[in-house]
Amino acid sequence: MKDIQPDWPAGLKKTKQRECVLAVLEHARKPLSAMEIYSEIKRDGTSVWLSTVYRILELLVKRGMAVKIAVMNSETALYELNRFQHKHYAVCMNCHKIIQMDNCPMEKFLPKFQDDDFQVIGHNLEIYGFCKDCAH
């Protein structure tokens, strides 16, 4: 019988590469690109292909275990573990630094729709500008 950790997600086959990707996301202090995750795994000595990291990340996003953040004017997406906390980020247009916002500017926003029966269940907010290092 396979040794299954009690906290391993049900229905997700346990592989060394998946364990590594989840471990990197678990310990990350900010959203990471697939290349950053790949580099971290390689640094620890585990053999993995970058394409495998991408496939694992897309699987984790599809399963709701990870969140994918698209960065405007960049082909690079960022990923973080889905901790089921409502968060927004600002992105520097120059260096692509990600800065977590302390609040949600949408909390008091009341949208008006032509369809009175439309029910809002969530939102995605992207804020772009220049960080203090790039603003000069």
C-alpha atoms as a PDB file:
ATOM      1  CA  MET A   1       0.000   0.000   0.000  1.00  0.00           C
ATOM      2  CA  LYS A   2       1.266   3.484  -0.863  1.00  0.00           C
ATOM      3  CA  ASP A   3       2.348   5.842   1.879  1.00  0.00           C
ATOM      4  CA  ILE A   4      -0.076   8.758   1.578  1.00  0.00           C
ATOM      5  CA  GLN A   5       0.355  11.841   3.716  1.00  0.00           C
ATOM      6  CA  PRO A   6      -2.882  12.799   5.489  1.00  0.00           C
ATOM      7  CA  ASP A   7      -2.668  16.354   4.108  1.00  0.00           C
ATOM      8  CA  TRP A   8      -2.129  15.272   0.487  1.00  0.00           C
ATOM      9  CA  PRO A   9      -5.101  16.384  -1.675  1.00  0.00           C
ATOM     10  CA  ALA A  10      -7.582  13.587  -2.295  1.00  0.00           C
ATOM     11  CA  GLY A  11      -7.785  12.426  -5.885  1.00  0.00           C
ATOM     12  CA  LEU A  12      -4.398  13.893  -6.859  1.00  0.00           C
ATOM     13  CA  LYS A  13      -1.721  11.352  -7.703  1.00  0.00           C
ATOM     14  CA  LYS A  14       1.319  11.928  -5.532  1.00  0.00           C
ATOM     15  CA  THR A  15       4.565  12.356  -7.464  1.00  0.00           C
ATOM     16  CA  LYS A  16       7.946  13.723  -6.422  1.00  0.00           C
ATOM     17  CA  GLN A  17       7.605  16.641  -8.872  1.00  0.00           C
ATOM     18  CA  ARG A  18       4.118  17.585  -7.609  1.00  0.00           C
ATOM     19  CA  GLU A  19       5.356  17.411  -4.031  1.00  0.00           C
ATOM     20  CA  CYS A  20       8.238  19.724  -4.935  1.00  0.00           C
ATOM     21  CA  VAL A  21       6.032  22.298  -6.696  1.00  0.00           C
ATOM     22  CA  LEU A  22       3.595  22.341  -3.774  1.00  0.00           C
ATOM     23  CA  ALA A  23       6.475  22.682  -1.290  1.00  0.00           C
ATOM     24  CA  VAL A  24       7.914  25.663  -3.171  1.00  0.00           C
ATOM     25  CA  LEU A  25       4.494  27.346  -3.316  1.00  0.00           C
ATOM     26  CA  GLU A  26       3.892  26.608   0.367  1.00  0.00           C
ATOM     27  CA  HIS A  27       7.108  28.369   1.411  1.00  0.00           C
ATOM     28  CA  ALA A  28       6.948  31.255  -1.082  1.00  0.00           C
ATOM     29  CA  ARG A  29       6.506  34.736   0.358  1.00  0.00           C
ATOM     30  CA  LYS A  30       5.248  36.148  -2.951  1.00  0.00           C
ATOM     31  CA  PRO A  31       3.742  34.844  -6.193  1.00  0.00           C
ATOM     32  CA  LEU A  32       6.364  33.057  -8.309  1.00  0.00           C
ATOM     33  CA  SER A  33       6.813  32.393 -12.009  1.00  0.00           C
ATOM     34  CA  ALA A  34       7.089  28.830 -13.285  1.00  0.00           C
ATOM     35  CA  MET A  35      10.784  29.519 -13.989  1.00  0.00           C
ATOM     36  CA  GLU A  36      11.354  30.619 -10.378  1.00  0.00           C
ATOM     37  CA  ILE A  37       9.616  27.477  -9.118  1.00  0.00           C
ATOM     38  CA  TYR A  38      11.640  25.338 -11.549  1.00  0.00           C
ATOM     39  CA  SER A  39      14.904  26.977 -10.401  1.00  0.00           C
ATOM     40  CA  GLU A  40      14.054  26.415  -6.744  1.00  0.00           C
ATOM     41  CA  ILE A  41      13.324  22.721  -7.361  1.00  0.00           C
ATOM     42  CA  LYS A  42      16.555  22.287  -9.365  1.00  0.00           C
ATOM     43  CA  ARG A  43      18.518  24.076  -6.609  1.00  0.00           C
ATOM     44  CA  ASP A  44      17.325  21.398  -4.188  1.00  0.00           C
ATOM     45  CA  GLY A  45      18.704  18.715  -6.516  1.00  0.00           C
ATOM     46  CA  THR A  46      15.443  17.269  -7.820  1.00  0.00           C
ATOM     47  CA  SER A  47      15.280  16.347 -11.503  1.00  0.00           C
ATOM     48  CA  VAL A  48      12.352  18.023 -13.271  1.00  0.00           C
ATOM     49  CA  TRP A  49      11.567  19.504 -16.674  1.00  0.00           C
ATOM     50  CA  LEU A  50      10.262  23.075 -16.950  1.00  0.00           C
ATOM     51  CA  SER A  51       7.358  21.776 -19.068  1.00  0.00           C
ATOM     52  CA  THR A  52       6.451  19.430 -16.192  1.00  0.00           C
ATOM     53  CA  VAL A  53       6.374  22.370 -13.774  1.00  0.00           C
ATOM     54  CA  TYR A  54       3.990  24.206 -16.144  1.00  0.00           C
ATOM     55  CA  ARG A  55       1.714  21.152 -16.400  1.00  0.00           C
ATOM     56  CA  ILE A  56       1.667  20.721 -12.620  1.00  0.00           C
ATOM     57  CA  LEU A  57       0.878  24.409 -12.100  1.00  0.00           C
ATOM     58  CA  GLU A  58      -2.007  24.300 -14.583  1.00  0.00           C
ATOM     59  CA  LEU A  59      -3.342  21.172 -12.840  1.00  0.00           C
ATOM     60  CA  LEU A  60      -3.122  22.887  -9.444  1.00  0.00           C
ATOM     61  CA  VAL A  61      -4.928  25.961 -10.813  1.00  0.00           C
ATOM     62  CA  LYS A  62      -7.627  23.769 -12.368  1.00  0.00           C
ATOM     63  CA  ARG A  63      -8.081  21.949  -9.032  1.00  0.00           C
ATOM     64  CA  GLY A  64      -8.312  25.280  -7.155  1.00  0.00           C
ATOM     65  CA  MET A  65      -5.149  24.589  -5.186  1.00  0.00           C
ATOM     66  CA  ALA A  66      -3.154  27.409  -6.781  1.00  0.00           C
ATOM     67  CA  VAL A  67      -3.963  30.840  -8.157  1.00  0.00           C
ATOM     68  CA  LYS A  68      -2.603  32.112 -11.478  1.00  0.00           C
ATOM     69  CA  ILE A  69      -1.892  35.827 -11.769  1.00  0.00           C
ATOM     70  CA  ALA A  70      -1.461  37.321 -15.240  1.00  0.00           C
ATOM     71  CA  VAL A  71       0.958  40.228 -15.456  1.00  0.00           C
ATOM     72  CA  MET A  72       0.115  42.890 -18.043  1.00  0.00           C
ATOM     73  CA  ASN A  73       2.700  43.485 -20.792  1.00  0.00           C
ATOM     74  CA  SER A  74       4.450  40.269 -19.842  1.00  0.00           C
ATOM     75  CA  GLU A  75       4.100  36.744 -21.094  1.00  0.00           C
ATOM     76  CA  THR A  76       5.008  35.522 -17.613  1.00  0.00           C
ATOM     77  CA  ALA A  77       2.255  34.377 -15.275  1.00  0.00           C
ATOM     78  CA  LEU A  78       2.780  34.139 -11.545  1.00  0.00           C
ATOM     79  CA  TYR A  79       1.476  31.440  -9.246  1.00  0.00           C
ATOM     80  CA  GLU A  80       0.740  31.185  -5.551  1.00  0.00           C
ATOM     81  CA  LEU A  81      -0.825  28.617  -3.293  1.00  0.00           C
ATOM     82  CA  ASN A  82      -4.554  29.205  -2.906  1.00  0.00           C
ATOM     83  CA  ARG A  83      -4.870  30.036   0.771  1.00  0.00           C
ATOM     84  CA  PHE A  84      -8.473  31.159   0.237  1.00  0.00           C
ATOM     85  CA  GLN A  85      -7.673  34.710   1.291  1.00  0.00           C
ATOM     86  CA  HIS A  86      -8.921  37.654  -0.709  1.00  0.00           C
ATOM     87  CA  LYS A  87      -5.841  39.444  -2.093  1.00  0.00           C
ATOM     88  CA  HIS A  88      -4.919  41.958  -4.761  1.00  0.00           C
ATOM     89  CA  TYR A  89      -1.544  42.993  -6.096  1.00  0.00           C
ATOM     90  CA  ALA A  90      -0.036  46.009  -7.794  1.00  0.00           C
ATOM     91  CA  VAL A  91       2.531  45.304 -10.514  1.00  0.00           C
ATOM     92  CA  CYS A  92       5.436  47.562 -11.454  1.00  0.00           C
ATOM     93  CA  MET A  93       5.330  48.183 -15.203  1.00  0.00           C
ATOM     94  CA  ASN A  94       9.134  48.463 -15.355  1.00  0.00           C
ATOM     95  CA  CYS A  95      10.635  45.729 -13.171  1.00  0.00           C
ATOM     96  CA  HIS A  96       7.467  43.606 -12.730  1.00  0.00           C
ATOM     97  CA  LYS A  97       7.807  43.666  -8.938  1.00  0.00           C
ATOM     98  CA  ILE A  98       4.636  42.406  -7.236  1.00  0.00           C
ATOM     99  CA  ILE A  99       3.358  44.418  -4.271  1.00  0.00           C
ATOM    100  CA  GLN A 100       0.529  43.019  -2.162  1.00  0.00           C
ATOM    101  CA  MET A 101      -2.249  45.466  -1.336  1.00  0.00           C
ATOM    102  CA  ASP A 102      -3.392  45.775   2.277  1.00  0.00           C
ATOM    103  CA  ASN A 103      -7.025  46.313   1.354  1.00  0.00           C
ATOM    104  CA  CYS A 104      -9.562  45.621  -1.368  1.00  0.00           C
ATOM    105  CA  PRO A 105     -10.657  48.808  -3.135  1.00  0.00           C
ATOM    106  CA  MET A 106     -13.754  46.939  -4.331  1.00  0.00           C
ATOM    107  CA  GLU A 107     -15.199  46.403  -0.832  1.00  0.00           C
ATOM    108  CA  LYS A 108     -17.420  49.491  -0.954  1.00  0.00           C
ATOM    109  CA  PHE A 109     -17.879  49.581  -4.723  1.00  0.00           C
ATOM    110  CA  LEU A 110     -21.480  48.941  -5.795  1.00  0.00           C
ATOM    111  CA  PRO A 111     -21.613  48.157  -9.501  1.00  0.00           C
ATOM    112  CA  LYS A 112     -24.737  49.001 -11.476  1.00  0.00           C
ATOM    113  CA  PHE A 113     -25.883  46.567 -14.134  1.00  0.00           C
ATOM    114  CA  GLN A 114     -28.567  46.768 -16.808  1.00  0.00           C
ATOM    115  CA  ASP A 115     -29.589  43.289 -15.656  1.00  0.00           C
ATOM    116  CA  ASP A 116     -30.973  43.744 -12.126  1.00  0.00           C
ATOM    117  CA  ASP A 117     -30.784  40.003 -11.501  1.00  0.00           C
ATOM    118  CA  PHE A 118     -27.002  39.754 -11.990  1.00  0.00           C
ATOM    119  CA  GLN A 119     -25.300  38.397  -8.860  1.00  0.00           C
ATOM    120  CA  VAL A 120     -21.623  39.190  -8.320  1.00  0.00           C
ATOM    121  CA  ILE A 121     -19.690  36.266  -6.833  1.00  0.00           C
ATOM    122  CA  GLY A 122     -16.151  37.603  -7.178  1.00  0.00           C
ATOM    123  CA  HIS A 123     -13.810  39.926  -8.998  1.00  0.00           C
ATOM    124  CA  ASN A 124     -10.301  40.249 -10.342  1.00  0.00           C
ATOM    125  CA  LEU A 125      -8.561  43.593  -9.961  1.00  0.00           C
ATOM    126  CA  GLU A 126      -5.253  44.517 -11.575  1.00  0.00           C
ATOM    127  CA  ILE A 127      -3.338  47.637 -10.588  1.00  0.00           C
ATOM    128  CA  TYR A 128      -0.305  48.796 -12.552  1.00  0.00           C
ATOM    129  CA  GLY A 129       2.197  51.563 -11.936  1.00  0.00           C
ATOM    130  CA  PHE A 130       5.811  52.061 -10.936  1.00  0.00           C
ATOM    131  CA  CYS A 131       7.438  50.939  -7.696  1.00  0.00           C
ATOM    132  CA  LYS A 132       9.511  53.408  -5.679  1.00  0.00           C
ATOM    133  CA  ASP A 133      12.742  52.168  -7.303  1.00  0.00           C
ATOM    134  CA  CYS A 134      11.432  52.636 -10.858  1.00  0.00           C
ATOM    135  CA  ALA A 135       9.455  55.851 -10.366  1.00  0.00           C
ATOM    136  CA  HIS A 136      12.559  58.032 -10.564  1.00  0.00           C
END
